[in-house]
Amino acid sequence: MNESVSSQNVERLERLLLLTERMQEELDQKDRNIEELKAQNEELQSLNEHLNKENNSGKLQALENDLQRVNGSLKSEREKVQRTESILEAYQDKERQAERMQKQALARQERKTAHYRAAAYLLGWYAATTTLFTAILSSVFLSDCKVFFYTLGKGIWFVGKQFLQWADYAGRKGSDIIVSPFAETVYWIMAGLVFICLLAGTGALLSVSGYKIGKVYRKYCWDMISVVVTLLSAAIIIYFSEQIKFQTGWNLLFLFLIIQTLYILIRLQIKSQ
């Protein structure tokens, strides 16, 4: 009986030993697996570090390439700016030179114009003086001037006389309307008002006409050509007064005014084209 019990114990012990050995083997296997996993993990970490380094080096290279491209573009832009500045400086120099030349040309032109004006004024003064003295010595021209101004005075007197007649007519009509002791007063009031209105209307008409003619003359004929034409026409009429009077029979002063009127009309026609 004891032997059977001991044999059973021995078998149990042997089983326990086997289980223990198996467990030990499994533990050893697990330790080996853990070591292998640790080794693989270390390899993975080293690979990650290596990849990170390679990535960083690639990024750095890309950044360096970008920086080089940017530096190259900046350099080209600086060169363009420098070329543009040089072109601008050259243009400004040419502009300043052109301005100096223009100022010099204007100064020369002003000097020439001043000399020309001075010579023209002296010539005009001489021509006007000699023409005036010749006109004074010309009996035909003086007689035509007397006739012209006498006719002009007669015309003014005729117009004034007509105004007086119209004023008298208006006064008499006003006094006829009012039959009273104030008829004479009404006559003088009506006559005075009508005469003043006629004079004012005529004066205003002449003033406006003269202003318009003067404005047109200043706009189209106020130059040296007009002075030359005026002096030349006056000189021709005065120096050849006897021949012109004999051939045409016209009043010389009236002929001078006609020539001036035709000249103004010709200038207006030329300017309007």
Protein backbone atom coordinates (compact mmCIF):
# COMPACT_ATOMS: atom_id res chain seq x y z
CA MET A 1 0.00 0.00 0.00
CA ASN A 2 2.76 2.38 0.86
CA GLU A 3 4.58 1.51 -2.31
CA SER A 4 1.59 2.39 -4.45
CA VAL A 5 1.20 5.68 -2.69
CA SER A 6 4.87 6.52 -3.14
CA SER A 7 4.75 5.56 -6.78
CA GLN A 8 1.82 7.89 -7.30
CA ASN A 9 3.71 10.67 -5.59
CA VAL A 10 6.68 10.08 -7.77
CA GLU A 11 4.54 10.29 -10.88
CA ARG A 12 3.02 13.48 -9.65
CA LEU A 13 6.44 14.93 -9.00
CA GLU A 14 7.58 13.90 -12.42
CA ARG A 15 4.54 15.57 -13.96
CA LEU A 16 5.16 18.68 -11.95
CA LEU A 17 8.79 18.69 -13.09
CA LEU A 18 7.71 18.30 -16.69
CA LEU A 19 5.22 21.10 -16.35
CA THR A 20 7.85 23.21 -14.68
CA GLU A 21 10.32 22.49 -17.46
CA ARG A 22 7.70 23.29 -20.06
CA MET A 23 6.83 26.50 -18.31
CA GLN A 24 10.51 27.32 -18.06
CA GLU A 25 10.96 26.66 -21.74
CA GLU A 26 7.95 28.81 -22.53
CA LEU A 27 9.34 31.57 -20.35
CA ASP A 28 12.71 31.28 -22.08
CA GLN A 29 10.94 31.38 -25.45
CA LYS A 30 9.04 34.48 -24.38
CA ASP A 31 12.27 36.07 -23.17
CA ARG A 32 13.85 35.34 -26.51
CA ASN A 33 10.82 36.76 -28.29
CA ILE A 34 10.98 39.87 -26.11
CA GLU A 35 14.69 40.25 -26.91
CA GLU A 36 13.97 39.84 -30.60
CA LEU A 37 11.17 42.43 -30.40
CA LYS A 38 13.51 44.80 -28.55
CA ALA A 39 16.13 44.28 -31.24
CA GLN A 40 13.58 44.86 -33.98
CA ASN A 41 12.33 47.95 -32.15
CA GLU A 42 15.86 49.29 -31.93
CA GLU A 43 16.36 48.64 -35.62
CA LEU A 44 13.10 50.41 -36.39
CA GLN A 45 14.15 53.38 -34.26
CA SER A 46 17.51 53.51 -35.98
CA LEU A 47 15.80 53.30 -39.36
CA ASN A 48 13.40 56.09 -38.36
CA GLU A 49 16.27 58.24 -37.21
CA HIS A 50 18.10 57.54 -40.44
CA LEU A 51 15.00 58.38 -42.48
CA ASN A 52 14.42 61.54 -40.48
CA LYS A 53 17.99 62.58 -41.06
CA GLU A 54 17.63 61.91 -44.77
CA ASN A 55 14.34 63.83 -44.87
CA ASN A 56 15.86 66.75 -42.99
CA SER A 57 18.86 66.76 -45.28
CA GLY A 58 16.52 66.71 -48.31
CA LYS A 59 14.47 69.58 -46.92
CA LEU A 60 17.61 71.51 -46.20
CA GLN A 61 18.81 70.90 -49.70
CA ALA A 62 15.46 72.01 -51.10
CA LEU A 63 15.58 75.10 -48.92
CA GLU A 64 19.11 75.82 -50.07
CA ASN A 65 17.98 75.42 -53.68
CA ASP A 66 15.05 77.77 -53.07
CA LEU A 67 17.34 80.28 -51.41
CA GLN A 68 19.72 80.09 -54.34
CA ARG A 69 16.88 80.65 -56.77
CA VAL A 70 15.59 83.58 -54.70
CA ASN A 71 19.07 85.07 -54.49
CA GLY A 72 19.46 84.66 -58.24
CA SER A 73 16.12 86.37 -58.91
CA LEU A 74 17.00 89.15 -56.45
CA LYS A 75 20.34 89.61 -58.15
CA SER A 76 18.68 89.80 -61.57
CA GLU A 77 16.13 92.28 -60.21
CA ARG A 78 18.90 94.39 -58.73
CA GLU A 79 20.66 94.35 -62.07
CA LYS A 80 17.43 95.37 -63.79
CA VAL A 81 16.94 98.18 -61.27
CA GLN A 82 20.49 99.35 -61.81
CA ARG A 83 20.03 99.31 -65.58
CA THR A 84 16.75 101.18 -65.21
CA GLU A 85 18.39 103.76 -62.95
CA SER A 86 21.22 104.22 -65.43
CA ILE A 87 18.70 104.64 -68.26
CA LEU A 88 16.73 107.16 -66.17
CA GLU A 89 19.88 109.09 -65.34
CA ALA A 90 20.84 109.18 -69.01
CA TYR A 91 17.33 110.33 -69.93
CA GLN A 92 17.38 113.01 -67.22
CA ASP A 93 20.76 114.20 -68.48
CA LYS A 94 19.39 114.41 -72.01
CA GLU A 95 16.29 116.20 -70.73
CA ARG A 96 18.37 118.71 -68.80
CA GLN A 97 20.55 119.22 -71.86
CA ALA A 98 17.47 119.71 -74.03
CA GLU A 99 16.07 122.23 -71.52
CA ARG A 100 19.35 124.14 -71.53
CA MET A 101 19.38 124.17 -75.31
CA GLN A 102 15.75 125.27 -75.38
CA LYS A 103 16.44 128.08 -72.91
CA GLN A 104 19.44 129.19 -74.96
CA ALA A 105 17.36 129.08 -78.15
CA LEU A 106 14.57 131.07 -76.46
CA ALA A 107 17.09 133.62 -75.22
CA ARG A 108 18.55 133.99 -78.72
CA GLN A 109 15.05 134.23 -80.18
CA GLU A 110 14.08 136.87 -77.62
CA ARG A 111 17.19 138.89 -78.45
CA LYS A 112 16.46 138.62 -82.15
CA THR A 113 12.83 139.54 -81.54
CA ALA A 114 13.85 142.54 -79.45
CA HIS A 115 16.22 143.72 -82.20
CA TYR A 116 13.54 143.13 -84.81
CA ARG A 117 10.95 145.03 -82.79
CA ALA A 118 13.32 147.89 -82.18
CA ALA A 119 14.15 148.10 -85.89
CA ALA A 120 10.46 147.79 -86.79
CA TYR A 121 9.50 150.53 -84.33
CA LEU A 122 12.19 152.84 -85.67
CA LEU A 123 11.17 152.12 -89.25
CA GLY A 124 7.50 152.58 -88.42
CA TRP A 125 8.21 155.82 -86.59
CA TYR A 126 10.24 157.09 -89.52
CA ALA A 127 7.57 156.01 -92.02
CA ALA A 128 4.77 157.56 -89.94
CA THR A 129 6.69 160.81 -89.47
CA THR A 130 7.60 161.20 -93.13
CA THR A 131 4.09 160.22 -94.21
CA LEU A 132 2.58 162.75 -91.82
CA PHE A 133 4.80 165.55 -93.06
CA THR A 134 4.04 164.58 -96.64
CA ALA A 135 0.31 164.60 -95.84
CA ILE A 136 0.63 168.06 -94.32
CA LEU A 137 2.42 169.28 -97.43
CA SER A 138 -0.10 167.60 -99.79
CA SER A 139 -2.81 170.09 -100.70
CA VAL A 140 -4.96 167.41 -102.34
CA PHE A 141 -4.94 165.18 -99.24
CA LEU A 142 -5.62 168.13 -96.92
CA SER A 143 -8.54 169.28 -99.03
CA ASP A 144 -9.97 165.74 -99.06
CA CYS A 145 -9.58 165.56 -95.27
CA LYS A 146 -11.46 168.87 -94.95
CA VAL A 147 -14.20 167.60 -97.24
CA PHE A 148 -14.42 164.29 -95.36
CA PHE A 149 -14.72 165.85 -91.92
CA TYR A 150 -17.05 168.57 -93.24
CA THR A 151 -19.30 165.86 -94.70
CA LEU A 152 -19.07 163.88 -91.47
CA GLY A 153 -20.02 166.99 -89.49
CA LYS A 154 -22.93 167.68 -91.82
CA GLY A 155 -24.09 164.11 -91.31
CA ILE A 156 -23.88 164.44 -87.54
CA TRP A 157 -25.74 167.78 -87.70
CA PHE A 158 -28.38 166.22 -89.92
CA VAL A 159 -28.89 163.36 -87.47
CA GLY A 160 -29.03 165.78 -84.56
CA LYS A 161 -31.50 167.93 -86.44
CA GLN A 162 -33.65 164.88 -87.10
CA PHE A 163 -33.50 164.02 -83.40
CA LEU A 164 -34.63 167.56 -82.54
CA GLN A 165 -37.49 167.33 -85.00
CA TRP A 166 -38.60 163.99 -83.58
CA ALA A 167 -38.33 165.38 -80.05
CA ASP A 168 -40.34 168.44 -81.06
CA TYR A 169 -42.96 166.24 -82.69
CA ALA A 170 -43.20 164.07 -79.52
CA GLY A 171 -43.46 167.19 -77.34
CA ARG A 172 -46.21 168.72 -79.42
CA LYS A 173 -48.14 165.46 -79.38
CA GLY A 174 -47.81 165.29 -75.60
CA SER A 175 -48.94 168.89 -75.15
CA ASP A 176 -51.92 168.30 -77.46
CA ILE A 177 -53.07 165.42 -75.29
CA ILE A 178 -53.03 167.51 -72.14
CA VAL A 179 -54.78 170.85 -72.69
CA SER A 180 -53.98 172.79 -69.57
CA PRO A 181 -51.56 175.41 -68.23
CA PHE A 182 -49.02 172.59 -67.94
CA ALA A 183 -49.00 171.96 -71.72
CA GLU A 184 -45.68 173.78 -72.21
CA THR A 185 -44.13 171.87 -69.34
CA VAL A 186 -45.35 168.58 -70.82
CA TYR A 187 -43.93 169.66 -74.19
CA TRP A 188 -40.45 170.24 -72.80
CA ILE A 189 -40.55 167.05 -70.72
CA MET A 190 -41.62 164.90 -73.68
CA ALA A 191 -39.15 166.56 -76.05
CA GLY A 192 -36.31 166.22 -73.58
CA LEU A 193 -37.07 162.56 -72.87
CA VAL A 194 -37.28 161.66 -76.55
CA PHE A 195 -34.08 163.57 -77.40
CA ILE A 196 -32.19 161.98 -74.51
CA CYS A 197 -33.46 158.52 -75.48
CA LEU A 198 -32.38 159.04 -79.08
CA LEU A 199 -28.94 160.28 -78.06
CA ALA A 200 -28.52 157.45 -75.54
CA GLY A 201 -29.63 154.83 -78.08
CA THR A 202 -27.31 156.19 -80.75
CA GLY A 203 -24.41 156.43 -78.31
CA ALA A 204 -25.01 152.89 -77.08
CA LEU A 205 -25.21 151.59 -80.66
CA LEU A 206 -21.98 153.34 -81.64
CA SER A 207 -20.25 152.17 -78.46
CA VAL A 208 -21.28 148.54 -78.93
CA SER A 209 -20.34 148.65 -82.62
CA GLY A 210 -16.98 150.22 -81.85
CA TYR A 211 -16.31 147.68 -79.10
CA LYS A 212 -17.18 144.76 -81.39
CA ILE A 213 -15.04 146.11 -84.23
CA GLY A 214 -12.14 146.78 -81.85
CA LYS A 215 -12.45 143.29 -80.37
CA VAL A 216 -12.38 141.69 -83.82
CA TYR A 217 -9.44 143.89 -84.84
CA ARG A 218 -7.47 143.02 -81.71
CA LYS A 219 -8.21 139.31 -82.19
CA TYR A 220 -7.38 138.99 -85.88
CA CYS A 221 -5.41 142.07 -86.94
CA TRP A 222 -3.41 143.22 -83.92
CA ASP A 223 0.07 142.50 -85.28
CA MET A 224 2.93 143.99 -87.25
CA ILE A 225 1.33 143.08 -90.58
CA SER A 226 -1.56 145.45 -89.86
CA VAL A 227 0.87 148.23 -88.97
CA VAL A 228 2.76 147.69 -92.22
CA VAL A 229 -0.44 147.57 -94.27
CA THR A 230 -1.75 150.73 -92.60
CA LEU A 231 1.47 152.69 -93.10
CA LEU A 232 1.95 151.38 -96.64
CA SER A 233 -1.60 152.17 -97.74
CA ALA A 234 -1.43 155.62 -96.13
CA ALA A 235 1.96 156.31 -97.75
CA ILE A 236 0.74 155.23 -101.21
CA ILE A 237 -2.41 157.31 -100.94
CA ILE A 238 -0.50 160.38 -99.69
CA TYR A 239 2.51 160.17 -102.03
CA PHE A 240 0.35 159.45 -105.08
CA SER A 241 -2.61 161.57 -104.00
CA GLU A 242 -2.76 163.68 -107.15
CA GLN A 243 -2.64 160.71 -109.54
CA ILE A 244 -5.21 158.73 -107.50
CA LYS A 245 -7.51 161.73 -107.24
CA PHE A 246 -7.22 162.38 -110.99
CA GLN A 247 -7.89 158.74 -111.94
CA THR A 248 -10.68 157.87 -109.49
CA GLY A 249 -12.06 161.15 -108.18
CA TRP A 250 -12.63 159.53 -104.79
CA ASN A 251 -12.01 161.16 -101.46
CA LEU A 252 -8.56 159.99 -100.33
CA LEU A 253 -9.45 159.58 -96.66
CA PHE A 254 -12.58 157.65 -97.60
CA LEU A 255 -10.46 155.47 -99.90
CA PHE A 256 -8.05 154.81 -97.00
CA LEU A 257 -10.96 153.67 -94.82
CA ILE A 258 -12.23 151.38 -97.60
CA ILE A 259 -8.76 149.80 -97.93
CA GLN A 260 -8.63 149.17 -94.18
CA THR A 261 -12.10 147.63 -94.22
CA LEU A 262 -11.17 145.34 -97.11
CA TYR A 263 -7.97 144.35 -95.31
CA ILE A 264 -9.90 143.43 -92.14
CA LEU A 265 -12.40 141.38 -94.17
CA ILE A 266 -9.54 139.54 -95.92
CA ARG A 267 -7.87 138.75 -92.60
CA LEU A 268 -11.16 137.46 -91.20
CA GLN A 269 -11.60 135.25 -94.27
CA ILE A 270 -8.07 133.87 -93.90
CA LYS A 271 -8.49 133.20 -90.17
CA SER A 272 -11.82 131.46 -90.64
CA GLN A 273 -10.38 128.93 -93.10
